[in-house]
């Protein structure tokens, strides 16, 4: 790994992705450029290409690693209902932490087109425990994700609880209660 003459320390992929994510959240995906990223890292722009092919590949990678930033509930003897509730809240916190990247992911689904890792690794066992038949889990996961995503988008647009955070929180809890009550009937 080459050491930049300007910074005096090796550049790591994690440092590149973390800095790119910060820049995306500050100005949006469209505002990110390899030159801006290089300046933020105090390296020559060409140094980045030793680690990432181009901006498209960089964006795809930070989208994939976003799932790794989700604070996933671990199985601690809690009921599937409580784990599902905690997962929904963790997902909502992630969205509020990274709204620009989250919006990008949901307008460019091709960047994260699998049901593997992160959220899915926790959601699928919860659905199994709730009694969702194996052949229905992917479809059910997509519906649950769409439901929660739509609710969060509605919150972000100010259509729920306008300037009343308590009303927004109550609405989210209502949605989670509806999911928990309905999931075993799937």
Protein backbone atom coordinates (compact mmCIF):
# COMPACT_ATOMS: atom_id res chain seq x y z
CA UNK A 1 0.00 0.00 0.00
CA UNK A 2 1.52 3.29 -1.10
CA UNK A 3 1.96 6.09 1.40
CA UNK A 4 0.86 9.53 0.24
CA UNK A 5 3.56 12.16 0.30
CA UNK A 6 1.00 14.66 1.58
CA UNK A 7 -0.54 12.64 4.38
CA UNK A 8 2.31 10.37 5.41
CA UNK A 9 0.08 7.36 6.16
CA UNK A 10 -1.31 4.52 4.05
CA UNK A 11 -4.81 4.88 2.67
CA UNK A 12 -7.23 2.11 3.65
CA UNK A 13 -10.45 1.06 1.93
CA UNK A 14 -12.42 1.63 5.16
CA UNK A 15 -11.08 5.17 5.40
CA UNK A 16 -12.07 5.80 1.78
CA UNK A 17 -15.59 4.41 2.29
CA UNK A 18 -16.16 6.23 5.58
CA UNK A 19 -15.02 9.53 4.16
CA UNK A 20 -17.09 9.03 1.00
CA UNK A 21 -20.13 8.26 3.14
CA UNK A 22 -19.58 11.42 5.19
CA UNK A 23 -19.29 13.50 2.00
CA UNK A 24 -22.46 11.93 0.59
CA UNK A 25 -24.35 12.82 3.76
CA UNK A 26 -23.01 16.38 3.66
CA UNK A 27 -23.87 17.09 0.03
CA UNK A 28 -25.66 14.16 -1.57
CA UNK A 29 -24.44 11.49 -3.96
CA UNK A 30 -24.33 13.85 -6.94
CA UNK A 31 -22.01 16.24 -5.10
CA UNK A 32 -19.45 13.51 -4.41
CA UNK A 33 -16.51 13.46 -6.79
CA UNK A 34 -13.25 11.58 -6.70
CA UNK A 35 -11.42 14.93 -6.49
CA UNK A 36 -13.46 16.03 -3.45
CA UNK A 37 -12.88 12.68 -1.82
CA UNK A 38 -9.13 12.88 -2.50
CA UNK A 39 -9.02 16.39 -1.02
CA UNK A 40 -10.86 15.24 2.10
CA UNK A 41 -8.37 12.37 2.48
CA UNK A 42 -5.39 14.62 1.68
CA UNK A 43 -4.22 12.40 -1.18
CA UNK A 44 -3.70 12.75 -4.90
CA UNK A 45 -6.94 11.78 -6.72
CA UNK A 46 -5.08 9.07 -8.63
CA UNK A 47 -4.28 7.34 -5.31
CA UNK A 48 -7.95 6.45 -4.95
CA UNK A 49 -7.90 4.35 -8.10
CA UNK A 50 -5.56 1.87 -6.42
CA UNK A 51 -8.49 1.02 -4.12
CA UNK A 52 -11.64 1.67 -6.14
CA UNK A 53 -12.31 1.46 -9.88
CA UNK A 54 -14.42 4.64 -10.22
CA UNK A 55 -17.14 6.71 -8.55
CA UNK A 56 -19.86 4.23 -9.54
CA UNK A 57 -17.99 1.36 -7.88
CA UNK A 58 -17.33 3.54 -4.84
CA UNK A 59 -21.02 4.41 -4.45
CA UNK A 60 -22.01 0.76 -4.90
CA UNK A 61 -19.54 -0.26 -2.19
CA UNK A 62 -20.71 2.30 0.36
CA UNK A 63 -24.29 1.25 -0.37
CA UNK A 64 -23.36 -2.39 0.33
CA UNK A 65 -21.50 -1.47 3.50
CA UNK A 66 -24.40 0.64 4.79
CA UNK A 67 -26.08 -2.58 5.96
CA UNK A 68 -23.04 -3.24 8.12
CA UNK A 69 -23.74 0.00 9.96
CA UNK A 70 -27.15 -1.25 11.06
CA UNK A 71 -27.21 -1.92 14.81
CA UNK A 72 -28.74 -5.37 14.61
CA UNK A 73 -30.54 -6.89 17.58
CA UNK A 74 -28.88 -10.10 18.69
CA UNK A 75 -30.85 -13.07 19.92
CA UNK A 76 -30.85 -12.76 23.69
CA UNK A 77 -33.81 -14.92 24.58
CA UNK A 78 -36.23 -12.21 23.51
CA UNK A 79 -39.39 -13.03 21.65
CA UNK A 80 -39.44 -12.65 17.88
CA UNK A 81 -41.88 -9.77 18.39
CA UNK A 82 -39.38 -7.81 20.49
CA UNK A 83 -36.51 -8.58 18.11
CA UNK A 84 -38.62 -7.41 15.16
CA UNK A 85 -39.51 -4.21 17.02
CA UNK A 86 -35.85 -3.55 17.81
CA UNK A 87 -34.86 -4.29 14.21
CA UNK A 88 -37.43 -1.80 12.90
CA UNK A 89 -36.15 0.89 15.26
CA UNK A 90 -32.52 0.14 14.33
CA UNK A 91 -33.43 0.47 10.65
CA UNK A 92 -35.18 3.78 11.32
CA UNK A 93 -32.12 5.10 13.21
CA UNK A 94 -29.88 4.08 10.32
CA UNK A 95 -32.09 5.99 7.90
CA UNK A 96 -32.00 9.09 10.07
CA UNK A 97 -28.20 8.83 10.29
CA UNK A 98 -27.66 8.34 6.53
CA UNK A 99 -30.69 9.88 4.79
CA UNK A 100 -28.91 10.81 1.55
CA UNK A 101 -27.44 7.37 0.96
CA UNK A 102 -30.70 5.68 2.02
CA UNK A 103 -32.61 7.77 -0.52
CA UNK A 104 -30.07 6.90 -3.19
CA UNK A 105 -30.35 3.18 -2.45
CA UNK A 106 -34.12 3.33 -2.76
CA UNK A 107 -33.98 5.14 -6.09
CA UNK A 108 -31.19 2.86 -7.39
CA UNK A 109 -32.16 -0.64 -6.20
CA UNK A 110 -29.62 -2.24 -8.54
CA UNK A 111 -26.80 -1.27 -6.16
CA UNK A 112 -28.05 -3.59 -3.40
CA UNK A 113 -30.19 -6.21 -5.09
CA UNK A 114 -29.83 -9.18 -2.75
CA UNK A 115 -31.55 -10.48 0.35
CA UNK A 116 -28.23 -11.29 2.02
CA UNK A 117 -26.41 -9.78 4.94
CA UNK A 118 -27.32 -7.15 7.49
CA UNK A 119 -31.04 -6.62 7.86
CA UNK A 120 -31.96 -9.81 6.01
CA UNK A 121 -29.78 -12.05 8.21
CA UNK A 122 -31.86 -10.95 11.20
CA UNK A 123 -35.27 -10.60 9.53
CA UNK A 124 -35.45 -14.07 7.95
CA UNK A 125 -34.95 -15.98 11.26
CA UNK A 126 -37.52 -13.70 12.92
CA UNK A 127 -40.02 -14.55 10.19
CA UNK A 128 -39.26 -18.26 10.58
CA UNK A 129 -39.92 -18.03 14.30
CA UNK A 130 -43.15 -16.11 13.62
CA UNK A 131 -44.32 -19.05 11.49
CA UNK A 132 -43.95 -17.56 8.00
CA UNK A 133 -43.55 -20.51 5.60
CA UNK A 134 -40.11 -20.72 4.02
CA UNK A 135 -41.50 -20.33 0.49
CA UNK A 136 -43.16 -17.04 1.54
CA UNK A 137 -40.25 -15.42 3.39
CA UNK A 138 -38.65 -13.49 0.54
CA UNK A 139 -41.98 -12.03 -0.59
CA UNK A 140 -42.96 -11.27 2.99
CA UNK A 141 -39.57 -9.63 3.64
CA UNK A 142 -40.06 -7.45 0.57
CA UNK A 143 -43.54 -6.42 1.76
CA UNK A 144 -42.30 -5.63 5.28
CA UNK A 145 -39.35 -3.67 3.91
CA UNK A 146 -41.64 -1.77 1.55
CA UNK A 147 -44.11 -1.02 4.34
CA UNK A 148 -41.47 0.31 6.75
CA UNK A 149 -39.59 2.13 3.98
CA UNK A 150 -42.79 3.82 2.83
CA UNK A 151 -43.61 4.85 6.37
CA UNK A 152 -40.14 6.31 6.91
CA UNK A 153 -40.32 8.16 3.58
CA UNK A 154 -43.71 9.57 4.59
CA UNK A 155 -42.16 10.72 7.88
CA UNK A 156 -39.24 12.34 6.07
CA UNK A 157 -41.60 14.22 3.77
CA UNK A 158 -43.44 15.63 6.79
CA UNK A 159 -46.77 13.92 6.07
CA UNK A 160 -46.93 12.38 9.54
CA UNK A 161 -47.02 14.38 12.76
CA UNK A 162 -45.89 17.67 11.23
CA UNK A 163 -43.48 19.17 13.75
CA UNK A 164 -44.64 16.74 16.44
CA UNK A 165 -41.93 14.12 17.09
CA UNK A 166 -44.13 12.33 19.61
CA UNK A 167 -46.85 11.81 17.01
CA UNK A 168 -44.26 10.52 14.53
CA UNK A 169 -42.99 8.05 17.16
CA UNK A 170 -46.54 6.91 18.00
CA UNK A 171 -47.30 6.38 14.32
CA UNK A 172 -44.16 4.28 13.88
CA UNK A 173 -45.09 2.17 16.92
CA UNK A 174 -48.59 1.67 15.50
CA UNK A 175 -47.09 0.41 12.25
CA UNK A 176 -44.78 -2.00 14.06
CA UNK A 177 -47.69 -3.27 16.17
CA UNK A 178 -49.67 -3.93 12.97
CA UNK A 179 -46.75 -5.85 11.47
CA UNK A 180 -46.28 -7.94 14.62
CA UNK A 181 -49.98 -8.79 14.80
CA UNK A 182 -50.19 -9.68 11.12
CA UNK A 183 -46.95 -11.58 10.56
CA UNK A 184 -48.03 -14.89 12.19
CA UNK A 185 -51.06 -14.97 9.87
CA UNK A 186 -48.85 -14.97 6.79
